[in-house]
Amino acid sequence: VLTRFPTVARWGKPFLLQLAKLFPESKVPMLAYLDLKKEPVRGMGDAYTVLSQDPLLSSFVRVKTMASLGTEPLSCPVEAIQTPVFLLHAGADTIFPLSYIEALYKRLTCPKQLKVYPKLPHYMIVDYVDDFIDDADKWLQEVTTKDAQEAR
């Protein structure tokens, strides 16, 4: 789901696994699987522009990394997470669709909250802190107050 071409990714997964065994260090451009031109970055254009102009950013991943992202299980099942989770979602995010976030959210059994910011892009946590910081602060206050009361 988290790719520019989900059908190709599904069908190409066995090929990618073989490629990772043969050429693990080969480089795959991020633009091959993410449409970074669709992700605005405040004051800088889009994620593609940032990636192509910043010498400190890498514009590729290794084949072995791509293979592991698609095959390695999580360190623990989502259902086993016990720490409270506050999911902030940028509703205009083209990399993480809301349906993907909601599916993860439904699997969580811990104290949880999902807050969607409909018009914000993927980089909201960098570009739009003022839009969500009060919600995050309120949630942290509620969770820590509840924990303190339960500890008594």
N, C-alpha and C. Protein backbone atom coordinates (compact mmCIF):
# COMPACT_ATOMS: atom_id res chain seq x y z
N VAL A 1 0.82 -1.20 0.00
CA VAL A 1 0.00 0.00 0.00
C VAL A 1 0.87 1.26 0.00
N LEU A 2 1.98 1.23 0.71
CA LEU A 2 2.80 2.43 0.87
C LEU A 2 3.79 2.59 -0.27
N THR A 3 3.29 2.53 -1.46
CA THR A 3 4.13 2.70 -2.63
C THR A 3 3.33 3.38 -3.72
N ARG A 4 4.02 3.91 -4.64
CA ARG A 4 3.42 4.60 -5.77
C ARG A 4 2.65 3.64 -6.68
N PHE A 5 3.13 2.41 -6.75
CA PHE A 5 2.52 1.40 -7.62
C PHE A 5 2.24 0.12 -6.82
N PRO A 6 1.17 0.09 -6.02
CA PRO A 6 0.92 -1.06 -5.14
C PRO A 6 0.78 -2.40 -5.88
N THR A 7 0.16 -2.40 -7.04
CA THR A 7 -0.01 -3.65 -7.78
C THR A 7 1.33 -4.19 -8.25
N VAL A 8 2.16 -3.30 -8.77
CA VAL A 8 3.51 -3.70 -9.21
C VAL A 8 4.31 -4.22 -8.02
N ALA A 9 4.18 -3.56 -6.89
CA ALA A 9 4.92 -3.98 -5.69
C ALA A 9 4.49 -5.37 -5.25
N ARG A 10 3.19 -5.64 -5.29
CA ARG A 10 2.68 -6.96 -4.90
C ARG A 10 3.22 -8.05 -5.83
N TRP A 11 3.12 -7.80 -7.12
CA TRP A 11 3.58 -8.80 -8.10
C TRP A 11 5.10 -8.90 -8.15
N GLY A 12 5.78 -7.80 -7.88
CA GLY A 12 7.23 -7.79 -7.97
C GLY A 12 7.96 -8.22 -6.72
N LYS A 13 7.24 -8.47 -5.65
CA LYS A 13 7.87 -8.83 -4.38
C LYS A 13 8.80 -10.05 -4.48
N PRO A 14 8.37 -11.15 -5.09
CA PRO A 14 9.29 -12.30 -5.21
C PRO A 14 10.57 -11.94 -5.99
N PHE A 15 10.42 -11.14 -7.04
CA PHE A 15 11.57 -10.71 -7.82
C PHE A 15 12.50 -9.85 -6.96
N LEU A 16 11.92 -8.95 -6.17
CA LEU A 16 12.71 -8.08 -5.30
C LEU A 16 13.50 -8.90 -4.28
N LEU A 17 12.88 -9.93 -3.73
CA LEU A 17 13.57 -10.78 -2.75
C LEU A 17 14.77 -11.48 -3.38
N GLN A 18 14.61 -11.95 -4.60
CA GLN A 18 15.73 -12.59 -5.30
C GLN A 18 16.82 -11.57 -5.63
N LEU A 19 16.39 -10.40 -6.06
CA LEU A 19 17.34 -9.33 -6.38
C LEU A 19 18.14 -8.94 -5.14
N ALA A 20 17.49 -8.93 -3.99
CA ALA A 20 18.17 -8.58 -2.73
C ALA A 20 19.23 -9.61 -2.37
N LYS A 21 19.00 -10.86 -2.73
CA LYS A 21 20.01 -11.90 -2.46
C LYS A 21 21.21 -11.75 -3.39
N LEU A 22 20.93 -11.40 -4.64
CA LEU A 22 21.99 -11.29 -5.64
C LEU A 22 22.74 -9.97 -5.58
N PHE A 23 22.01 -8.89 -5.39
CA PHE A 23 22.60 -7.54 -5.42
C PHE A 23 22.10 -6.70 -4.24
N PRO A 24 22.41 -7.10 -3.02
CA PRO A 24 21.85 -6.43 -1.84
C PRO A 24 22.20 -4.94 -1.73
N GLU A 25 23.34 -4.54 -2.24
CA GLU A 25 23.78 -3.15 -2.10
C GLU A 25 23.33 -2.25 -3.25
N SER A 26 22.66 -2.83 -4.25
CA SER A 26 22.19 -2.01 -5.37
C SER A 26 21.23 -0.94 -4.87
N LYS A 27 21.26 0.19 -5.54
CA LYS A 27 20.47 1.34 -5.11
C LYS A 27 19.17 1.45 -5.92
N VAL A 28 18.09 1.77 -5.21
CA VAL A 28 16.79 2.00 -5.83
C VAL A 28 16.40 3.45 -5.52
N PRO A 29 16.18 4.26 -6.55
CA PRO A 29 15.77 5.64 -6.29
C PRO A 29 14.42 5.69 -5.59
N MET A 30 14.29 6.54 -4.59
CA MET A 30 13.02 6.68 -3.88
C MET A 30 11.89 7.06 -4.83
N LEU A 31 12.22 7.81 -5.85
CA LEU A 31 11.21 8.23 -6.81
C LEU A 31 10.62 7.05 -7.58
N ALA A 32 11.29 5.91 -7.54
CA ALA A 32 10.76 4.72 -8.22
C ALA A 32 9.54 4.17 -7.49
N TYR A 33 9.43 4.46 -6.20
CA TYR A 33 8.29 3.91 -5.45
C TYR A 33 7.49 4.95 -4.67
N LEU A 34 7.95 6.18 -4.58
CA LEU A 34 7.19 7.26 -3.93
C LEU A 34 7.06 8.44 -4.88
N ASP A 35 5.87 9.01 -4.97
CA ASP A 35 5.66 10.19 -5.80
C ASP A 35 5.86 11.43 -4.93
N LEU A 36 7.10 11.80 -4.75
CA LEU A 36 7.44 12.90 -3.84
C LEU A 36 7.06 14.27 -4.39
N LYS A 37 6.75 14.35 -5.65
CA LYS A 37 6.29 15.62 -6.22
C LYS A 37 4.89 15.97 -5.73
N LYS A 38 4.18 15.00 -5.18
CA LYS A 38 2.83 15.24 -4.66
C LYS A 38 2.84 15.70 -3.21
N GLU A 39 4.00 15.67 -2.57
CA GLU A 39 4.08 16.03 -1.15
C GLU A 39 4.69 17.41 -0.97
N PRO A 40 3.85 18.41 -0.68
CA PRO A 40 4.37 19.77 -0.49
C PRO A 40 5.21 19.90 0.78
N VAL A 41 6.21 20.74 0.70
CA VAL A 41 7.03 21.08 1.86
C VAL A 41 7.01 22.60 1.95
N ARG A 42 6.52 23.09 3.07
CA ARG A 42 6.31 24.53 3.25
C ARG A 42 7.59 25.33 2.94
N GLY A 43 7.45 26.28 2.05
CA GLY A 43 8.54 27.18 1.72
C GLY A 43 9.64 26.56 0.87
N MET A 44 9.49 25.32 0.49
CA MET A 44 10.55 24.65 -0.26
C MET A 44 10.05 23.95 -1.52
N GLY A 45 8.77 24.07 -1.80
CA GLY A 45 8.23 23.40 -2.99
C GLY A 45 7.62 22.06 -2.62
N ASP A 46 8.32 21.00 -2.97
CA ASP A 46 7.81 19.66 -2.67
C ASP A 46 8.96 18.77 -2.19
N ALA A 47 8.61 17.57 -1.75
CA ALA A 47 9.60 16.65 -1.20
C ALA A 47 10.63 16.25 -2.24
N TYR A 48 10.21 16.17 -3.49
CA TYR A 48 11.14 15.85 -4.58
C TYR A 48 12.24 16.90 -4.67
N THR A 49 11.85 18.17 -4.63
CA THR A 49 12.81 19.27 -4.71
C THR A 49 13.76 19.23 -3.53
N VAL A 50 13.23 19.03 -2.34
CA VAL A 50 14.07 18.97 -1.14
C VAL A 50 15.07 17.82 -1.26
N LEU A 51 14.59 16.67 -1.65
CA LEU A 51 15.45 15.49 -1.77
C LEU A 51 16.53 15.69 -2.82
N SER A 52 16.19 16.31 -3.92
CA SER A 52 17.17 16.47 -5.00
C SER A 52 18.17 17.59 -4.73
N GLN A 53 17.84 18.53 -3.83
CA GLN A 53 18.73 19.67 -3.60
C GLN A 53 19.53 19.60 -2.30
N ASP A 54 19.11 18.78 -1.36
CA ASP A 54 19.80 18.71 -0.08
C ASP A 54 20.88 17.63 -0.13
N PRO A 55 22.15 18.01 -0.05
CA PRO A 55 23.23 17.01 -0.14
C PRO A 55 23.28 16.07 1.07
N LEU A 56 22.58 16.40 2.13
CA LEU A 56 22.59 15.54 3.31
C LEU A 56 21.53 14.45 3.26
N LEU A 57 20.64 14.52 2.29
CA LEU A 57 19.59 13.52 2.16
C LEU A 57 19.98 12.48 1.11
N SER A 58 19.58 11.28 1.35
CA SER A 58 19.82 10.21 0.39
C SER A 58 18.57 10.03 -0.48
N SER A 59 18.75 9.99 -1.77
CA SER A 59 17.62 9.86 -2.68
C SER A 59 17.37 8.41 -3.10
N PHE A 60 17.99 7.48 -2.40
CA PHE A 60 17.82 6.08 -2.75
C PHE A 60 17.79 5.22 -1.48
N VAL A 61 17.36 3.99 -1.65
CA VAL A 61 17.48 2.97 -0.62
C VAL A 61 18.14 1.76 -1.27
N ARG A 62 18.73 0.93 -0.49
CA ARG A 62 19.35 -0.27 -1.03
C ARG A 62 18.28 -1.35 -1.24
N VAL A 63 18.54 -2.23 -2.17
CA VAL A 63 17.60 -3.30 -2.50
C VAL A 63 17.33 -4.15 -1.26
N LYS A 64 18.35 -4.43 -0.47
CA LYS A 64 18.15 -5.25 0.73
C LYS A 64 17.21 -4.54 1.73
N THR A 65 17.26 -3.23 1.77
CA THR A 65 16.38 -2.46 2.66
C THR A 65 14.94 -2.58 2.17
N MET A 66 14.73 -2.40 0.88
CA MET A 66 13.38 -2.53 0.33
C MET A 66 12.81 -3.91 0.58
N ALA A 67 13.64 -4.93 0.42
CA ALA A 67 13.18 -6.30 0.64
C ALA A 67 12.79 -6.50 2.10
N SER A 68 13.58 -5.97 3.02
CA SER A 68 13.28 -6.16 4.44
C SER A 68 12.03 -5.39 4.84
N LEU A 69 11.81 -4.21 4.25
CA LEU A 69 10.60 -3.44 4.57
C LEU A 69 9.34 -4.20 4.19
N GLY A 70 9.43 -5.00 3.17
CA GLY A 70 8.26 -5.74 2.72
C GLY A 70 8.10 -7.13 3.30
N THR A 71 9.10 -7.58 4.07
CA THR A 71 9.04 -8.97 4.56
C THR A 71 9.25 -9.14 6.07
N GLU A 72 10.01 -8.26 6.68
CA GLU A 72 10.33 -8.43 8.10
C GLU A 72 9.11 -8.14 8.97
N PRO A 73 8.81 -9.03 9.90
CA PRO A 73 7.69 -8.76 10.80
C PRO A 73 8.06 -7.66 11.81
N LEU A 74 7.03 -7.04 12.37
CA LEU A 74 7.27 -6.05 13.43
C LEU A 74 7.90 -6.74 14.63
N SER A 75 8.57 -5.98 15.46
CA SER A 75 9.22 -6.58 16.64
C SER A 75 8.19 -7.15 17.61
N CYS A 76 6.98 -6.61 17.59
CA CYS A 76 5.88 -7.19 18.35
C CYS A 76 4.59 -6.89 17.58
N PRO A 77 3.60 -7.74 17.73
CA PRO A 77 2.35 -7.47 17.03
C PRO A 77 1.72 -6.14 17.50
N VAL A 78 1.05 -5.46 16.60
CA VAL A 78 0.39 -4.20 16.94
C VAL A 78 -0.53 -4.41 18.14
N GLU A 79 -1.21 -5.53 18.18
CA GLU A 79 -2.15 -5.82 19.26
C GLU A 79 -1.46 -5.95 20.62
N ALA A 80 -0.16 -6.19 20.63
CA ALA A 80 0.58 -6.36 21.89
C ALA A 80 1.12 -5.05 22.46
N ILE A 81 1.01 -3.97 21.72
CA ILE A 81 1.50 -2.68 22.20
C ILE A 81 0.65 -2.25 23.40
N GLN A 82 1.32 -1.93 24.50
CA GLN A 82 0.61 -1.54 25.72
C GLN A 82 0.73 -0.04 26.02
N THR A 83 1.74 0.58 25.48
CA THR A 83 1.95 2.00 25.69
C THR A 83 0.84 2.79 25.00
N PRO A 84 0.27 3.79 25.65
CA PRO A 84 -0.75 4.61 24.98
C PRO A 84 -0.21 5.21 23.68
N VAL A 85 -1.07 5.27 22.67
CA VAL A 85 -0.66 5.74 21.35
C VAL A 85 -1.60 6.85 20.88
N PHE A 86 -1.02 7.94 20.45
CA PHE A 86 -1.77 9.04 19.85
C PHE A 86 -1.30 9.15 18.40
N LEU A 87 -2.16 8.77 17.47
CA LEU A 87 -1.82 8.83 16.05
C LEU A 87 -2.29 10.15 15.47
N LEU A 88 -1.34 10.89 14.92
CA LEU A 88 -1.64 12.12 14.20
C LEU A 88 -1.58 11.76 12.73
N HIS A 89 -2.62 12.07 12.00
CA HIS A 89 -2.59 11.75 10.58
C HIS A 89 -2.84 12.98 9.72
N ALA A 90 -1.97 13.18 8.75
CA ALA A 90 -2.14 14.25 7.78
C ALA A 90 -3.08 13.75 6.70
N GLY A 91 -4.28 14.29 6.70
CA GLY A 91 -5.31 13.80 5.79
C GLY A 91 -4.96 13.93 4.32
N ALA A 92 -4.08 14.85 3.96
CA ALA A 92 -3.68 15.02 2.57
C ALA A 92 -2.37 14.27 2.26
N ASP A 93 -1.96 13.40 3.15
CA ASP A 93 -0.74 12.61 2.98
C ASP A 93 -0.93 11.61 1.84
N THR A 94 -0.04 11.64 0.86
CA THR A 94 -0.13 10.70 -0.26
C THR A 94 0.74 9.46 -0.04
N ILE A 95 1.53 9.46 1.04
CA ILE A 95 2.40 8.32 1.31
C ILE A 95 1.71 7.32 2.25
N PHE A 96 1.08 7.82 3.31
CA PHE A 96 0.36 6.97 4.25
C PHE A 96 -1.14 7.27 4.14
N PRO A 97 -1.87 6.48 3.36
CA PRO A 97 -3.31 6.73 3.22
C PRO A 97 -4.05 6.53 4.55
N LEU A 98 -5.12 7.28 4.73
CA LEU A 98 -5.91 7.18 5.95
C LEU A 98 -6.39 5.75 6.18
N SER A 99 -6.77 5.05 5.14
CA SER A 99 -7.25 3.67 5.29
C SER A 99 -6.18 2.78 5.93
N TYR A 100 -4.92 3.01 5.60
CA TYR A 100 -3.81 2.25 6.19
C TYR A 100 -3.68 2.58 7.68
N ILE A 101 -3.74 3.86 8.01
CA ILE A 101 -3.63 4.30 9.40
C ILE A 101 -4.81 3.78 10.22
N GLU A 102 -6.01 3.85 9.66
CA GLU A 102 -7.19 3.36 10.38
C GLU A 102 -7.12 1.86 10.63
N ALA A 103 -6.58 1.11 9.69
CA ALA A 103 -6.43 -0.34 9.88
C ALA A 103 -5.48 -0.64 11.04
N LEU A 104 -4.38 0.09 11.12
CA LEU A 104 -3.46 -0.08 12.25
C LEU A 104 -4.12 0.34 13.56
N TYR A 105 -4.82 1.46 13.52
CA TYR A 105 -5.48 1.99 14.71
C TYR A 105 -6.49 0.98 15.26
N LYS A 106 -7.26 0.36 14.41
CA LYS A 106 -8.26 -0.61 14.85
C LYS A 106 -7.62 -1.82 15.54
N ARG A 107 -6.41 -2.14 15.15
CA ARG A 107 -5.70 -3.29 15.74
C ARG A 107 -5.13 -2.98 17.12
N LEU A 108 -4.93 -1.72 17.43
CA LEU A 108 -4.37 -1.34 18.74
C LEU A 108 -5.38 -1.66 19.84
N THR A 109 -4.90 -2.26 20.92
CA THR A 109 -5.76 -2.57 22.07
C THR A 109 -5.40 -1.71 23.28
N CYS A 110 -4.36 -0.92 23.17
CA CYS A 110 -3.92 -0.02 24.24
C CYS A 110 -4.78 1.23 24.25
N PRO A 111 -4.64 2.07 25.28
CA PRO A 111 -5.31 3.38 25.21
C PRO A 111 -4.83 4.10 23.95
N LYS A 112 -5.78 4.64 23.20
CA LYS A 112 -5.40 5.19 21.89
C LYS A 112 -6.31 6.33 21.49
N GLN A 113 -5.80 7.14 20.59
CA GLN A 113 -6.59 8.20 19.98
C GLN A 113 -6.04 8.45 18.58
N LEU A 114 -6.94 8.69 17.65
CA LEU A 114 -6.57 9.03 16.28
C LEU A 114 -7.13 10.41 15.98
N LYS A 115 -6.28 11.30 15.53
CA LYS A 115 -6.71 12.65 15.16
C LYS A 115 -6.25 12.90 13.73
N VAL A 116 -7.22 13.22 12.86
CA VAL A 116 -6.92 13.45 11.45
C VAL A 116 -6.99 14.96 11.17
N TYR A 117 -5.99 15.45 10.50
CA TYR A 117 -5.92 16.84 10.08
C TYR A 117 -6.10 16.85 8.57
N PRO A 118 -7.36 16.99 8.12
CA PRO A 118 -7.74 16.73 6.73
C PRO A 118 -6.93 17.43 5.64
N LYS A 119 -6.53 18.65 5.83
CA LYS A 119 -5.89 19.39 4.74
C LYS A 119 -4.36 19.40 4.82
N LEU A 120 -3.80 18.75 5.83
CA LEU A 120 -2.35 18.83 6.00
C LEU A 120 -1.63 17.72 5.23
N PRO A 121 -0.41 18.03 4.73
CA PRO A 121 0.38 17.06 3.98
C PRO A 121 1.26 16.19 4.89
N HIS A 122 1.95 15.27 4.27
CA HIS A 122 2.82 14.31 4.97
C HIS A 122 3.78 14.99 5.95
N TYR A 123 4.32 16.12 5.58
CA TYR A 123 5.31 16.80 6.42
C TYR A 123 4.70 17.69 7.49
N MET A 124 3.49 17.41 7.90
CA MET A 124 2.81 18.24 8.89
C MET A 124 3.60 18.36 10.19
N ILE A 125 4.29 17.30 10.59
CA ILE A 125 4.99 17.37 11.88
C ILE A 125 6.19 18.31 11.85
N VAL A 126 6.59 18.71 10.66
CA VAL A 126 7.67 19.68 10.51
C VAL A 126 7.11 21.06 10.17
N ASP A 127 6.16 21.07 9.23
CA ASP A 127 5.67 22.33 8.68
C ASP A 127 4.47 22.94 9.41
N TYR A 128 3.72 22.16 10.13
CA TYR A 128 2.46 22.65 10.71
C TYR A 128 2.31 22.30 12.19
N VAL A 129 3.37 22.47 12.94
CA VAL A 129 3.37 22.13 14.36
C VAL A 129 2.24 22.85 15.10
N ASP A 130 2.02 24.11 14.80
CA ASP A 130 0.98 24.89 15.49
C ASP A 130 -0.41 24.29 15.30
N ASP A 131 -0.61 23.55 14.23
CA ASP A 131 -1.93 22.98 13.95
C ASP A 131 -2.26 21.77 14.83
N PHE A 132 -1.24 21.10 15.37
CA PHE A 132 -1.53 19.89 16.15
C PHE A 132 -0.93 19.88 17.55
N ILE A 133 -0.07 20.81 17.87
CA ILE A 133 0.65 20.75 19.15
C ILE A 133 -0.29 20.82 20.36
N ASP A 134 -1.35 21.60 20.26
CA ASP A 134 -2.29 21.69 21.39
C ASP A 134 -3.01 20.36 21.61
N ASP A 135 -3.38 19.68 20.52
CA ASP A 135 -4.02 18.37 20.64
C ASP A 135 -3.07 17.35 21.26
N ALA A 136 -1.82 17.38 20.83
CA ALA A 136 -0.83 16.45 21.37
C ALA A 136 -0.57 16.74 22.85
N ASP A 137 -0.47 18.01 23.19
CA ASP A 137 -0.25 18.40 24.58
C ASP A 137 -1.43 17.95 25.46
N LYS A 138 -2.64 18.21 24.99
CA LYS A 138 -3.83 17.82 25.75
C LYS A 138 -3.86 16.31 25.98
N TRP A 139 -3.55 15.56 24.93
CA TRP A 139 -3.57 14.10 25.05
C TRP A 139 -2.50 13.63 26.03
N LEU A 140 -1.30 14.20 25.94
CA LEU A 140 -0.23 13.82 26.87
C LEU A 140 -0.61 14.14 28.31
N GLN A 141 -1.24 15.30 28.52
CA GLN A 141 -1.69 15.67 29.86
C GLN A 141 -2.70 14.65 30.38
N GLU A 142 -3.66 14.26 29.55
CA GLU A 142 -4.67 13.29 29.96
C GLU A 142 -4.05 11.93 30.30
N VAL A 143 -3.15 11.47 29.45
CA VAL A 143 -2.53 10.16 29.66
C VAL A 143 -1.65 10.16 30.90
N THR A 144 -0.84 11.20 31.08
CA THR A 144 0.05 11.22 32.24
C THR A 144 -0.71 11.45 33.53
N THR A 145 -1.79 12.23 33.50
CA THR A 145 -2.62 12.43 34.68
C THR A 145 -3.29 11.13 35.08
N LYS A 146 -3.83 10.43 34.10
CA LYS A 146 -4.47 9.14 34.37
C LYS A 146 -3.48 8.14 34.95
N ASP A 147 -2.26 8.08 34.37
CA ASP A 147 -1.23 7.18 34.88
C ASP A 147 -0.84 7.53 36.31
N ALA A 148 -0.73 8.82 36.61
CA ALA A 148 -0.36 9.25 37.96
C ALA A 148 -1.46 8.87 38.96
N GLN A 149 -2.71 9.03 38.56
CA GLN A 149 -3.82 8.67 39.44
C GLN A 149 -3.87 7.16 39.69
N GLU A 150 -3.60 6.39 38.67
CA GLU A 150 -3.60 4.93 38.81
C GLU A 150 -2.44 4.44 39.67
N ALA A 151 -1.33 5.18 39.66
CA ALA A 151 -0.16 4.79 40.44
C ALA A 151 -0.38 4.99 41.94
N ARG A 152 -1.30 5.89 42.29
CA ARG A 152 -1.58 6.15 43.71
C ARG A 152 -2.28 5.00 44.27
